[in-house]
PDB file of N, CA and C in Angstrom:
ATOM      1  N   MET A   1       0.766  -1.124  -0.025  1.00  0.00           N
ATOM      2  CA  MET A   1       0.035   0.028  -0.002  1.00  0.00           C
ATOM      3  C   MET A   1       0.887   1.260  -0.023  1.00  0.00           C
ATOM      4  N   LYS A   2       0.356   2.243  -0.532  1.00  0.00           N
ATOM      5  CA  LYS A   2       1.096   3.579  -0.608  1.00  0.00           C
ATOM      6  C   LYS A   2       0.573   4.459   0.502  1.00  0.00           C
ATOM      7  N   VAL A   3       1.543   5.060   1.097  1.00  0.00           N
ATOM      8  CA  VAL A   3       1.149   5.933   2.238  1.00  0.00           C
ATOM      9  C   VAL A   3       0.777   7.306   1.634  1.00  0.00           C
ATOM     10  N   THR A   4      -0.342   7.779   2.040  1.00  0.00           N
ATOM     11  CA  THR A   4      -0.933   9.082   1.475  1.00  0.00           C
ATOM     12  C   THR A   4      -0.632  10.218   2.459  1.00  0.00           C
ATOM     13  N   PRO A   5      -0.688  11.415   1.962  1.00  0.00           N
ATOM     14  CA  PRO A   5      -0.402  12.624   2.822  1.00  0.00           C
ATOM     15  C   PRO A   5      -1.459  12.638   4.020  1.00  0.00           C
ATOM     16  N   ALA A   6      -2.733  12.205   3.720  1.00  0.00           N
ATOM     17  CA  ALA A   6      -3.785  12.146   4.762  1.00  0.00           C
ATOM     18  C   ALA A   6      -3.400  11.106   5.874  1.00  0.00           C
ATOM     19  N   HIS A   7      -2.797  10.060   5.427  1.00  0.00           N
ATOM     20  CA  HIS A   7      -2.407   8.996   6.413  1.00  0.00           C
ATOM     21  C   HIS A   7      -1.221   9.512   7.264  1.00  0.00           C
ATOM     22  N   ASN A   8      -0.265  10.178   6.655  1.00  0.00           N
ATOM     23  CA  ASN A   8       0.812  10.837   7.403  1.00  0.00           C
ATOM     24  C   ASN A   8       0.355  11.867   8.438  1.00  0.00           C
ATOM     25  N   GLU A   9      -0.679  12.626   8.019  1.00  0.00           N
ATOM     26  CA  GLU A   9      -1.284  13.605   8.939  1.00  0.00           C
ATOM     27  C   GLU A   9      -1.914  12.918  10.078  1.00  0.00           C
ATOM     28  N   ARG A  10      -2.715  11.848   9.846  1.00  0.00           N
ATOM     29  CA  ARG A  10      -3.386  11.150  10.892  1.00  0.00           C
ATOM     30  C   ARG A  10      -2.450  10.494  11.921  1.00  0.00           C
ATOM     31  N   VAL A  11      -1.353   9.918  11.346  1.00  0.00           N
ATOM     32  CA  VAL A  11      -0.287   9.429  12.216  1.00  0.00           C
ATOM     33  C   VAL A  11       0.397  10.469  13.017  1.00  0.00           C
ATOM     34  N   ALA A  12       0.720  11.642  12.493  1.00  0.00           N
ATOM     35  CA  ALA A  12       1.372  12.651  13.273  1.00  0.00           C
ATOM     36  C   ALA A  12       0.415  13.165  14.371  1.00  0.00           C
ATOM     37  N   LYS A  13      -0.840  13.187  14.183  1.00  0.00           N
ATOM     38  CA  LYS A  13      -1.828  13.706  15.273  1.00  0.00           C
ATOM     39  C   LYS A  13      -2.260  12.675  16.259  1.00  0.00           C
ATOM     40  N   LEU A  14      -1.897  11.429  15.969  1.00  0.00           N
ATOM     41  CA  LEU A  14      -2.308  10.352  17.005  1.00  0.00           C
ATOM     42  C   LEU A  14      -1.625  10.478  18.186  1.00  0.00           C
ATOM     43  N   LYS A  15      -2.352  10.392  19.344  1.00  0.00           N
ATOM     44  CA  LYS A  15      -1.683  10.529  20.647  1.00  0.00           C
ATOM     45  C   LYS A  15      -0.999   9.259  21.103  1.00  0.00           C
ATOM     46  N   PHE A  16       0.226   9.444  21.537  1.00  0.00           N
ATOM     47  CA  PHE A  16       1.039   8.294  21.967  1.00  0.00           C
ATOM     48  C   PHE A  16       0.251   7.509  23.108  1.00  0.00           C
ATOM     49  N   SER A  17      -0.378   8.281  23.941  1.00  0.00           N
ATOM     50  CA  SER A  17      -1.030   7.735  25.221  1.00  0.00           C
ATOM     51  C   SER A  17      -2.227   6.861  24.728  1.00  0.00           C
ATOM     52  N   SER A  18      -2.721   7.103  23.520  1.00  0.00           N
ATOM     53  CA  SER A  18      -3.915   6.224  23.157  1.00  0.00           C
ATOM     54  C   SER A  18      -3.464   4.979  22.494  1.00  0.00           C
ATOM     55  N   VAL A  19      -2.238   4.922  22.097  1.00  0.00           N
ATOM     56  CA  VAL A  19      -1.702   3.693  21.428  1.00  0.00           C
ATOM     57  C   VAL A  19      -0.950   2.768  22.408  1.00  0.00           C
ATOM     58  N   TYR A  20      -0.212   3.534  23.271  1.00  0.00           N
ATOM     59  CA  TYR A  20       0.638   2.834  24.304  1.00  0.00           C
ATOM     60  C   TYR A  20      -0.072   1.595  25.087  1.00  0.00           C
ATOM     61  N   PRO A  21      -1.310   1.717  25.583  1.00  0.00           N
ATOM     62  CA  PRO A  21      -1.944   0.632  26.238  1.00  0.00           C
ATOM     63  C   PRO A  21      -2.165  -0.583  25.321  1.00  0.00           C
ATOM     64  N   HIS A  22      -2.285  -0.272  24.024  1.00  0.00           N
ATOM     65  CA  HIS A  22      -2.431  -1.402  23.077  1.00  0.00           C
ATOM     66  C   HIS A  22      -1.160  -2.082  22.919  1.00  0.00           C
ATOM     67  N   TYR A  23      -0.034  -1.365  22.926  1.00  0.00           N
ATOM     68  CA  TYR A  23       1.304  -2.086  22.853  1.00  0.00           C
ATOM     69  C   TYR A  23       1.432  -3.042  24.156  1.00  0.00           C
ATOM     70  N   VAL A  24       1.092  -2.438  25.216  1.00  0.00           N
ATOM     71  CA  VAL A  24       1.333  -3.169  26.571  1.00  0.00           C
ATOM     72  C   VAL A  24       0.274  -4.538  26.433  1.00  0.00           C
ATOM     73  N   THR A  25      -0.875  -4.341  26.107  1.00  0.00           N
ATOM     74  CA  THR A  25      -1.742  -5.510  25.965  1.00  0.00           C
ATOM     75  C   THR A  25      -1.251  -6.504  24.959  1.00  0.00           C
ATOM     76  N   LYS A  26      -0.746  -6.050  23.786  1.00  0.00           N
ATOM     77  CA  LYS A  26      -0.250  -6.973  22.808  1.00  0.00           C
ATOM     78  C   LYS A  26       0.803  -7.808  23.345  1.00  0.00           C
ATOM     79  N   VAL A  27       1.878  -7.201  23.897  1.00  0.00           N
ATOM     80  CA  VAL A  27       2.994  -8.004  24.396  1.00  0.00           C
ATOM     81  C   VAL A  27       2.709  -8.816  25.534  1.00  0.00           C
ATOM     82  N   GLU A  28       1.870  -8.360  26.494  1.00  0.00           N
ATOM     83  CA  GLU A  28       1.613  -9.161  27.711  1.00  0.00           C
ATOM     84  C   GLU A  28       0.736 -10.350  27.349  1.00  0.00           C
ATOM     85  N   LYS A  29      -0.148 -10.188  26.380  1.00  0.00           N
ATOM     86  CA  LYS A  29      -1.101 -11.270  25.959  1.00  0.00           C
ATOM     87  C   LYS A  29      -0.171 -12.438  25.431  1.00  0.00           C
ATOM     88  N   LYS A  30       0.990 -12.093  24.937  1.00  0.00           N
ATOM     89  CA  LYS A  30       1.866 -13.124  24.307  1.00  0.00           C
ATOM     90  C   LYS A  30       2.939 -13.471  25.317  1.00  0.00           C
ATOM     91  N   GLY A  31       2.893 -13.132  26.533  1.00  0.00           N
ATOM     92  CA  GLY A  31       3.732 -13.557  27.529  1.00  0.00           C
ATOM     93  C   GLY A  31       5.040 -12.630  27.676  1.00  0.00           C
ATOM     94  N   ARG A  32       5.080 -11.579  27.060  1.00  0.00           N
ATOM     95  CA  ARG A  32       6.311 -10.681  27.233  1.00  0.00           C
ATOM     96  C   ARG A  32       5.951  -9.692  28.305  1.00  0.00           C
ATOM     97  N   THR A  33       6.921  -8.857  28.808  1.00  0.00           N
ATOM     98  CA  THR A  33       6.757  -7.888  29.855  1.00  0.00           C
ATOM     99  C   THR A  33       6.797  -6.528  29.350  1.00  0.00           C
ATOM    100  N   ILE A  34       6.264  -5.597  30.324  1.00  0.00           N
ATOM    101  CA  ILE A  34       6.385  -4.146  29.979  1.00  0.00           C
ATOM    102  C   ILE A  34       7.790  -3.740  29.972  1.00  0.00           C
ATOM    103  N   SER A  35       8.614  -4.424  30.844  1.00  0.00           N
ATOM    104  CA  SER A  35      10.085  -4.111  30.908  1.00  0.00           C
ATOM    105  C   SER A  35      10.630  -4.348  29.527  1.00  0.00           C
ATOM    106  N   GLU A  36      10.383  -5.481  28.872  1.00  0.00           N
ATOM    107  CA  GLU A  36      10.786  -5.796  27.525  1.00  0.00           C
ATOM    108  C   GLU A  36      10.307  -4.787  26.473  1.00  0.00           C
ATOM    109  N   LEU A  37       9.015  -4.441  26.657  1.00  0.00           N
ATOM    110  CA  LEU A  37       8.439  -3.395  25.770  1.00  0.00           C
ATOM    111  C   LEU A  37       9.278  -2.146  25.925  1.00  0.00           C
ATOM    112  N   HIS A  38       9.604  -1.734  27.087  1.00  0.00           N
ATOM    113  CA  HIS A  38      10.329  -0.465  27.293  1.00  0.00           C
ATOM    114  C   HIS A  38      11.774  -0.634  26.778  1.00  0.00           C
ATOM    115  N   GLN A  39      12.344  -1.823  26.896  1.00  0.00           N
ATOM    116  CA  GLN A  39      13.657  -2.031  26.322  1.00  0.00           C
ATOM    117  C   GLN A  39      13.674  -1.779  24.877  1.00  0.00           C
ATOM    118  N   VAL A  40      12.729  -2.318  24.114  1.00  0.00           N
ATOM    119  CA  VAL A  40      12.722  -2.023  22.633  1.00  0.00           C
ATOM    120  C   VAL A  40      12.437  -0.597  22.298  1.00  0.00           C
ATOM    121  N   MET A  41      11.668   0.023  23.178  1.00  0.00           N
ATOM    122  CA  MET A  41      11.305   1.486  22.898  1.00  0.00           C
ATOM    123  C   MET A  41      12.484   2.346  23.186  1.00  0.00           C
ATOM    124  N   THR A  42      13.273   1.989  24.270  1.00  0.00           N
ATOM    125  CA  THR A  42      14.446   2.689  24.649  1.00  0.00           C
ATOM    126  C   THR A  42      15.504   2.538  23.569  1.00  0.00           C
ATOM    127  N   TRP A  43      15.681   1.321  22.995  1.00  0.00           N
ATOM    128  CA  TRP A  43      16.683   1.056  21.940  1.00  0.00           C
ATOM    129  C   TRP A  43      16.375   1.990  20.772  1.00  0.00           C
ATOM    130  N   LEU A  44      14.993   2.114  20.335  1.00  0.00           N
ATOM    131  CA  LEU A  44      14.584   2.824  19.163  1.00  0.00           C
ATOM    132  C   LEU A  44      14.768   4.361  19.396  1.00  0.00           C
ATOM    133  N   THR A  45      14.275   4.806  20.565  1.00  0.00           N
ATOM    134  CA  THR A  45      14.122   6.212  20.770  1.00  0.00           C
ATOM    135  C   THR A  45      15.113   6.933  21.626  1.00  0.00           C
ATOM    136  N   GLY A  46      15.894   6.180  22.383  1.00  0.00           N
ATOM    137  CA  GLY A  46      16.830   6.732  23.396  1.00  0.00           C
ATOM    138  C   GLY A  46      16.097   7.227  24.677  1.00  0.00           C
ATOM    139  N   PHE A  47      14.818   7.045  24.776  1.00  0.00           N
ATOM    140  CA  PHE A  47      14.108   7.415  26.002  1.00  0.00           C
ATOM    141  C   PHE A  47      14.317   6.393  27.126  1.00  0.00           C
ATOM    142  N   ASN A  48      14.385   6.879  28.356  1.00  0.00           N
ATOM    143  CA  ASN A  48      14.491   6.026  29.443  1.00  0.00           C
ATOM    144  C   ASN A  48      12.965   5.565  29.915  1.00  0.00           C
ATOM    145  N   GLU A  49      12.928   4.748  30.831  1.00  0.00           N
ATOM    146  CA  GLU A  49      11.550   4.262  31.218  1.00  0.00           C
ATOM    147  C   GLU A  49      10.652   5.387  31.709  1.00  0.00           C
ATOM    148  N   ALA A  50      11.241   6.343  32.527  1.00  0.00           N
ATOM    149  CA  ALA A  50      10.499   7.448  33.017  1.00  0.00           C
ATOM    150  C   ALA A  50      10.008   8.362  31.909  1.00  0.00           C
ATOM    151  N   LYS A  51      10.724   8.568  30.943  1.00  0.00           N
ATOM    152  CA  LYS A  51      10.299   9.394  29.788  1.00  0.00           C
ATOM    153  C   LYS A  51       9.205   8.687  28.964  1.00  0.00           C
ATOM    154  N   ILE A  52       9.300   7.390  28.861  1.00  0.00           N
ATOM    155  CA  ILE A  52       8.177   6.612  28.225  1.00  0.00           C
ATOM    156  C   ILE A  52       6.952   6.745  28.977  1.00  0.00           C
ATOM    157  N   GLN A  53       7.017   6.516  30.306  1.00  0.00           N
ATOM    158  CA  GLN A  53       5.817   6.709  31.203  1.00  0.00           C
ATOM    159  C   GLN A  53       5.263   8.101  31.034  1.00  0.00           C
ATOM    160  N   GLU A  54       6.167   9.098  31.002  1.00  0.00           N
ATOM    161  CA  GLU A  54       5.602  10.534  30.871  1.00  0.00           C
ATOM    162  C   GLU A  54       4.886  10.683  29.615  1.00  0.00           C
ATOM    163  N   PHE A  55       5.355  10.121  28.555  1.00  0.00           N
ATOM    164  CA  PHE A  55       4.567  10.214  27.236  1.00  0.00           C
ATOM    165  C   PHE A  55       3.260   9.472  27.278  1.00  0.00           C
ATOM    166  N   ALA A  56       3.351   8.296  28.037  1.00  0.00           N
ATOM    167  CA  ALA A  56       2.146   7.402  28.113  1.00  0.00           C
ATOM    168  C   ALA A  56       1.051   8.151  28.939  1.00  0.00           C
ATOM    169  N   GLY A  57       1.414   9.076  29.759  1.00  0.00           N
ATOM    170  CA  GLY A  57       0.650   9.736  30.621  1.00  0.00           C
ATOM    171  C   GLY A  57       0.105  11.081  30.288  1.00  0.00           C
ATOM    172  N   ASN A  58       0.607  11.640  29.108  1.00  0.00           N
ATOM    173  CA  ASN A  58       0.184  12.948  28.705  1.00  0.00           C
ATOM    174  C   ASN A  58      -0.464  12.954  27.363  1.00  0.00           C
ATOM    175  N   GLU A  59      -0.725  14.145  26.829  1.00  0.00           N
ATOM    176  CA  GLU A  59      -1.367  14.264  25.530  1.00  0.00           C
ATOM    177  C   GLU A  59      -0.497  14.434  24.300  1.00  0.00           C
ATOM    178  N   ALA A  60       0.733  13.997  24.416  1.00  0.00           N
ATOM    179  CA  ALA A  60       1.698  14.158  23.400  1.00  0.00           C
ATOM    180  C   ALA A  60       1.274  13.332  22.120  1.00  0.00           C
ATOM    181  N   THR A  61       1.487  13.905  20.940  1.00  0.00           N
ATOM    182  CA  THR A  61       1.221  13.055  19.754  1.00  0.00           C
ATOM    183  C   THR A  61       2.456  12.261  19.343  1.00  0.00           C
ATOM    184  N   PHE A  62       2.291  11.471  18.354  1.00  0.00           N
ATOM    185  CA  PHE A  62       3.483  10.721  17.902  1.00  0.00           C
ATOM    186  C   PHE A  62       4.479  11.675  17.267  1.00  0.00           C
ATOM    187  N   LYS A  63       4.032  12.774  16.716  1.00  0.00           N
ATOM    188  CA  LYS A  63       4.962  13.823  16.261  1.00  0.00           C
ATOM    189  C   LYS A  63       5.739  14.388  17.351  1.00  0.00           C
ATOM    190  N   ASP A  64       5.201  14.734  18.516  1.00  0.00           N
ATOM    191  CA  ASP A  64       5.899  15.262  19.685  1.00  0.00           C
ATOM    192  C   ASP A  64       6.867  14.177  20.161  1.00  0.00           C
ATOM    193  N   PHE A  65       6.364  12.939  20.245  1.00  0.00           N
ATOM    194  CA  PHE A  65       7.158  11.839  20.725  1.00  0.00           C
ATOM    195  C   PHE A  65       8.485  11.670  19.905  1.00  0.00           C
ATOM    196  N   PHE A  66       8.286  11.530  18.638  1.00  0.00           N
ATOM    197  CA  PHE A  66       9.477  11.388  17.806  1.00  0.00           C
ATOM    198  C   PHE A  66      10.395  12.567  17.559  1.00  0.00           C
ATOM    199  N   GLU A  67       9.816  13.782  17.749  1.00  0.00           N
ATOM    200  CA  GLU A  67      10.624  14.955  17.641  1.00  0.00           C
ATOM    201  C   GLU A  67      11.622  14.943  18.728  1.00  0.00           C
ATOM    202  N   GLN A  68      11.344  14.451  19.889  1.00  0.00           N
ATOM    203  CA  GLN A  68      12.187  14.412  21.000  1.00  0.00           C
ATOM    204  C   GLN A  68      13.142  13.241  21.072  1.00  0.00           C
ATOM    205  N   ALA A  69      12.759  12.169  20.317  1.00  0.00           N
ATOM    206  CA  ALA A  69      13.561  11.026  20.285  1.00  0.00           C
ATOM    207  C   ALA A  69      14.906  11.088  19.616  1.00  0.00           C
ATOM    208  N   THR A  70      15.845  10.268  19.986  1.00  0.00           N
ATOM    209  CA  THR A  70      17.153  10.133  19.268  1.00  0.00           C
ATOM    210  C   THR A  70      17.056   8.720  18.619  1.00  0.00           C
ATOM    211  N   ILE A  71      16.722   8.605  17.318  1.00  0.00           N
ATOM    212  CA  ILE A  71      16.493   7.335  16.765  1.00  0.00           C
ATOM    213  C   ILE A  71      17.846   6.592  16.623  1.00  0.00           C
ATOM    214  N   HIS A  72      17.793   5.294  17.001  1.00  0.00           N
ATOM    215  CA  HIS A  72      19.016   4.473  17.003  1.00  0.00           C
ATOM    216  C   HIS A  72      19.584   4.405  15.542  1.00  0.00           C
ATOM    217  N   PRO A  73      20.911   4.491  15.444  1.00  0.00           N
ATOM    218  CA  PRO A  73      21.493   4.508  14.090  1.00  0.00           C
ATOM    219  C   PRO A  73      21.155   3.199  13.299  1.00  0.00           C
ATOM    220  N   ASN A  74      20.896   2.050  13.960  1.00  0.00           N
ATOM    221  CA  ASN A  74      20.552   0.851  13.258  1.00  0.00           C
ATOM    222  C   ASN A  74      19.133   0.708  12.938  1.00  0.00           C
ATOM    223  N   ALA A  75      18.280   1.690  13.143  1.00  0.00           N
ATOM    224  CA  ALA A  75      16.740   1.589  12.972  1.00  0.00           C
ATOM    225  C   ALA A  75      16.522   1.317  11.471  1.00  0.00           C
ATOM    226  N   HIS A  76      17.460   1.723  10.621  1.00  0.00           N
ATOM    227  CA  HIS A  76      17.192   1.502   9.184  1.00  0.00           C
ATOM    228  C   HIS A  76      17.247   0.034   8.845  1.00  0.00           C
ATOM    229  N   LEU A  77      17.694  -0.807   9.820  1.00  0.00           N
ATOM    230  CA  LEU A  77      17.820  -2.279   9.557  1.00  0.00           C
ATOM    231  C   LEU A  77      16.321  -2.942   9.785  1.00  0.00           C
ATOM    232  N   ILE A  78      15.392  -2.115  10.319  1.00  0.00           N
ATOM    233  CA  ILE A  78      14.059  -2.693  10.555  1.00  0.00           C
ATOM    234  C   ILE A  78      13.423  -2.637   9.147  1.00  0.00           C
ATOM    235  N   LYS A  79      13.066  -3.802   8.694  1.00  0.00           N
ATOM    236  CA  LYS A  79      12.410  -3.931   7.397  1.00  0.00           C
ATOM    237  C   LYS A  79      11.201  -4.875   7.503  1.00  0.00           C
ATOM    238  N   GLY A  80      10.443  -4.869   6.459  1.00  0.00           N
ATOM    239  CA  GLY A  80       9.292  -5.749   6.464  1.00  0.00           C
ATOM    240  C   GLY A  80       8.036  -5.018   6.338  1.00  0.00           C
ATOM    241  N   VAL A  81       6.902  -5.778   6.453  1.00  0.00           N
ATOM    242  CA  VAL A  81       5.567  -5.161   6.299  1.00  0.00           C
ATOM    243  C   VAL A  81       4.919  -5.098   7.650  1.00  0.00           C
ATOM    244  N   ILE A  82       4.371  -3.905   7.970  1.00  0.00           N
ATOM    245  CA  ILE A  82       3.530  -3.771   9.145  1.00  0.00           C
ATOM    246  C   ILE A  82       2.371  -2.955   8.841  1.00  0.00           C
ATOM    247  N   CYS A  83       1.169  -3.341   9.264  1.00  0.00           N
ATOM    248  CA  CYS A  83      -0.102  -2.709   8.915  1.00  0.00           C
ATOM    249  C   CYS A  83      -0.314  -2.466   7.436  1.00  0.00           C
ATOM    250  N   GLY A  84       0.208  -3.494   6.692  1.00  0.00           N
ATOM    251  CA  GLY A  84      -0.008  -3.363   5.217  1.00  0.00           C
ATOM    252  C   GLY A  84       0.997  -2.498   4.475  1.00  0.00           C
ATOM    253  N   TYR A  85       2.002  -1.858   5.173  1.00  0.00           N
ATOM    254  CA  TYR A  85       2.895  -0.958   4.613  1.00  0.00           C
ATOM    255  C   TYR A  85       4.305  -1.589   4.669  1.00  0.00           C
ATOM    256  N   ARG A  86       5.132  -1.469   3.564  1.00  0.00           N
ATOM    257  CA  ARG A  86       6.466  -1.952   3.510  1.00  0.00           C
ATOM    258  C   ARG A  86       7.262  -0.784   4.183  1.00  0.00           C
ATOM    259  N   ILE A  87       7.919  -1.028   5.274  1.00  0.00           N
ATOM    260  CA  ILE A  87       8.495   0.016   6.075  1.00  0.00           C
ATOM    261  C   ILE A  87       9.582   0.758   5.189  1.00  0.00           C
ATOM    262  N   GLU A  88      10.485  -0.054   4.415  1.00  0.00           N
ATOM    263  CA  GLU A  88      11.474   0.672   3.726  1.00  0.00           C
ATOM    264  C   GLU A  88      11.088   1.466   2.645  1.00  0.00           C
ATOM    265  N   GLU A  89       9.745   1.291   2.327  1.00  0.00           N
ATOM    266  CA  GLU A  89       9.264   2.143   1.147  1.00  0.00           C
ATOM    267  C   GLU A  89       8.528   3.461   1.608  1.00  0.00           C
ATOM    268  N   ILE A  90       8.373   3.662   2.906  1.00  0.00           N
ATOM    269  CA  ILE A  90       7.699   4.829   3.486  1.00  0.00           C
ATOM    270  C   ILE A  90       8.613   6.075   3.410  1.00  0.00           C
ATOM    271  N   ASP A  91       8.102   7.047   2.662  1.00  0.00           N
ATOM    272  CA  ASP A  91       8.864   8.280   2.350  1.00  0.00           C
ATOM    273  C   ASP A  91       8.899   9.259   3.520  1.00  0.00           C
ATOM    274  N   ASN A  92       7.708   9.282   4.184  1.00  0.00           N
ATOM    275  CA  ASN A  92       7.544  10.182   5.373  1.00  0.00           C
ATOM    276  C   ASN A  92       8.319   9.706   6.533  1.00  0.00           C
ATOM    277  N   GLU A  93       9.283  10.597   7.047  1.00  0.00           N
ATOM    278  CA  GLU A  93      10.142  10.091   8.155  1.00  0.00           C
ATOM    279  C   GLU A  93       9.389   9.775   9.383  1.00  0.00           C
ATOM    280  N   LEU A  94       8.460  10.589   9.828  1.00  0.00           N
ATOM    281  CA  LEU A  94       7.614  10.317  11.007  1.00  0.00           C
ATOM    282  C   LEU A  94       6.841   9.051  10.869  1.00  0.00           C
ATOM    283  N   THR A  95       6.122   8.847   9.785  1.00  0.00           N
ATOM    284  CA  THR A  95       5.322   7.693   9.608  1.00  0.00           C
ATOM    285  C   THR A  95       6.266   6.429   9.606  1.00  0.00           C
ATOM    286  N   ARG A  96       7.460   6.468   9.010  1.00  0.00           N
ATOM    287  CA  ARG A  96       8.397   5.408   8.986  1.00  0.00           C
ATOM    288  C   ARG A  96       8.921   5.129  10.466  1.00  0.00           C
ATOM    289  N   GLN A  97       9.076   6.139  11.299  1.00  0.00           N
ATOM    290  CA  GLN A  97       9.528   5.919  12.656  1.00  0.00           C
ATOM    291  C   GLN A  97       8.369   5.201  13.479  1.00  0.00           C
ATOM    292  N   VAL A  98       7.132   5.710  13.273  1.00  0.00           N
ATOM    293  CA  VAL A  98       6.003   4.960  13.945  1.00  0.00           C
ATOM    294  C   VAL A  98       5.962   3.607  13.577  1.00  0.00           C
ATOM    295  N   ARG A  99       6.108   3.280  12.290  1.00  0.00           N
ATOM    296  CA  ARG A  99       6.057   1.883  11.831  1.00  0.00           C
ATOM    297  C   ARG A  99       7.193   1.071  12.313  1.00  0.00           C
ATOM    298  N   TYR A 100       8.380   1.686  12.527  1.00  0.00           N
ATOM    299  CA  TYR A 100       9.504   1.050  13.184  1.00  0.00           C
ATOM    300  C   TYR A 100       9.098   0.503  14.546  1.00  0.00           C
ATOM    301  N   LEU A 101       8.448   1.432  15.300  1.00  0.00           N
ATOM    302  CA  LEU A 101       8.029   1.117  16.618  1.00  0.00           C
ATOM    303  C   LEU A 101       6.960  -0.028  16.653  1.00  0.00           C
ATOM    304  N   ASP A 102       6.000   0.099  15.660  1.00  0.00           N
ATOM    305  CA  ASP A 102       4.983  -0.961  15.548  1.00  0.00           C
ATOM    306  C   ASP A 102       5.650  -2.316  15.196  1.00  0.00           C
ATOM    307  N   LYS A 103       6.680  -2.327  14.321  1.00  0.00           N
ATOM    308  CA  LYS A 103       7.312  -3.562  13.920  1.00  0.00           C
ATOM    309  C   LYS A 103       7.978  -4.183  15.113  1.00  0.00           C
ATOM    310  N   LEU A 104       8.780  -3.335  15.935  1.00  0.00           N
ATOM    311  CA  LEU A 104       9.463  -3.865  17.104  1.00  0.00           C
ATOM    312  C   LEU A 104       8.493  -4.460  18.069  1.00  0.00           C
ATOM    313  N   VAL A 105       7.380  -3.777  18.280  1.00  0.00           N
ATOM    314  CA  VAL A 105       6.361  -4.339  19.239  1.00  0.00           C
ATOM    315  C   VAL A 105       5.805  -5.632  18.644  1.00  0.00           C
ATOM    316  N   ASP A 106       5.630  -5.661  17.437  1.00  0.00           N
ATOM    317  CA  ASP A 106       5.086  -6.884  16.837  1.00  0.00           C
ATOM    318  C   ASP A 106       6.049  -8.125  16.903  1.00  0.00           C
ATOM    319  N   GLU A 107       7.296  -7.847  16.641  1.00  0.00           N
ATOM    320  CA  GLU A 107       8.325  -8.838  16.774  1.00  0.00           C
ATOM    321  C   GLU A 107       8.465  -9.324  18.243  1.00  0.00           C
ATOM    322  N   LEU A 108       8.362  -8.452  19.168  1.00  0.00           N
ATOM    323  CA  LEU A 108       8.414  -8.771  20.570  1.00  0.00           C
ATOM    324  C   LEU A 108       7.275  -9.671  20.907  1.00  0.00           C
ATOM    325  N   ALA A 109       6.013  -9.285  20.507  1.00  0.00           N
ATOM    326  CA  ALA A 109       4.795 -10.138  20.800  1.00  0.00           C
ATOM    327  C   ALA A 109       4.846 -11.468  20.162  1.00  0.00           C
ATOM    328  N   LYS A 110       5.599 -11.558  18.980  1.00  0.00           N
ATOM    329  CA  LYS A 110       5.660 -12.855  18.245  1.00  0.00           C
ATOM    330  C   LYS A 110       6.797 -13.737  18.891  1.00  0.00           C
ATOM    331  N   GLY A 111       7.435 -13.297  19.966  1.00  0.00           N
ATOM    332  CA  GLY A 111       8.478 -14.136  20.585  1.00  0.00           C
ATOM    333  C   GLY A 111       9.799 -14.087  20.001  1.00  0.00           C
ATOM    334  N   ARG A 112      10.093 -13.109  19.171  1.00  0.00           N
ATOM    335  CA  ARG A 112      11.354 -12.978  18.639  1.00  0.00           C
ATOM    336  C   ARG A 112      12.420 -12.745  19.674  1.00  0.00           C
ATOM    337  N   LYS A 113      13.645 -13.248  19.577  1.00  0.00           N
ATOM    338  CA  LYS A 113      14.650 -13.102  20.540  1.00  0.00           C
ATOM    339  C   LYS A 113      15.135 -11.566  20.591  1.00  0.00           C
ATOM    340  N   MET A 114      15.309 -11.072  21.794  1.00  0.00           N
ATOM    341  CA  MET A 114      15.714  -9.670  21.979  1.00  0.00           C
ATOM    342  C   MET A 114      16.947  -9.311  21.177  1.00  0.00           C
ATOM    343  N   GLU A 115      17.834 -10.141  21.046  1.00  0.00           N
ATOM    344  CA  GLU A 115      19.140  -9.846  20.283  1.00  0.00           C
ATOM    345  C   GLU A 115      18.796  -9.520  18.807  1.00  0.00           C
ATOM    346  N   LYS A 116      17.707 -10.257  18.288  1.00  0.00           N
ATOM    347  CA  LYS A 116      17.289 -10.068  16.927  1.00  0.00           C
ATOM    348  C   LYS A 116      16.533  -8.786  16.739  1.00  0.00           C
ATOM    349  N   ILE A 117      15.704  -8.522  17.793  1.00  0.00           N
ATOM    350  CA  ILE A 117      14.854  -7.297  17.695  1.00  0.00           C
ATOM    351  C   ILE A 117      15.715  -6.076  17.741  1.00  0.00           C
ATOM    352  N   LEU A 118      16.692  -6.031  18.610  1.00  0.00           N
ATOM    353  CA  LEU A 118      17.570  -4.950  18.820  1.00  0.00           C
ATOM    354  C   LEU A 118      18.752  -5.018  17.834  1.00  0.00           C
ATOM    355  N   ARG A 119      18.502  -4.781  16.613  1.00  0.00           N
ATOM    356  CA  ARG A 119      19.438  -5.014  15.482  1.00  0.00           C
ATOM    357  C   ARG A 119      20.724  -4.484  15.694  1.00  0.00           C
ATOM    358  N   SER A 120      21.722  -5.301  15.407  1.00  0.00           N
ATOM    359  CA  SER A 120      23.135  -4.893  15.366  1.00  0.00           C
ATOM    360  C   SER A 120      23.793  -5.263  14.050  1.00  0.00           C
ATOM    361  N   GLU A 121      24.527  -4.394  13.476  1.00  0.00           N
ATOM    362  CA  GLU A 121      25.188  -4.836  12.245  1.00  0.00           C
ATOM    363  C   GLU A 121      26.328  -5.730  12.534  1.00  0.00           C
ATOM    364  N   LYS A 122      26.491  -6.626  11.704  1.00  0.00           N
ATOM    365  CA  LYS A 122      27.512  -7.648  11.895  1.00  0.00           C
ATOM    366  C   LYS A 122      28.790  -7.422  11.028  1.00  0.00           C
TER     367      LYS A 122
END
């Protein structure tokens, strides 16, 4: 699927606090922990657990969230399809970063090993 400008706008305005509980539910339902969820979020964004909790409890949008993040230099290694979109084909930086996070949460919930989720170049 092709990402449209309207889709990018919707993603930018989406509140992190409205999506975060779904991330928690998804990973816990599959036997993973909030601590592991925060580990992958920290890897991607550079935020510590307190900062993640702060965003989860306020009205910040994904745009606000990722504007303050320091994206991991290996994030470009996150590839594949999430929510019907091929990550590496997404032109909009913010939308791509949100899909990076979605993909990491999905991999965590599917039981992928943490070493694989937290990509390192060999």
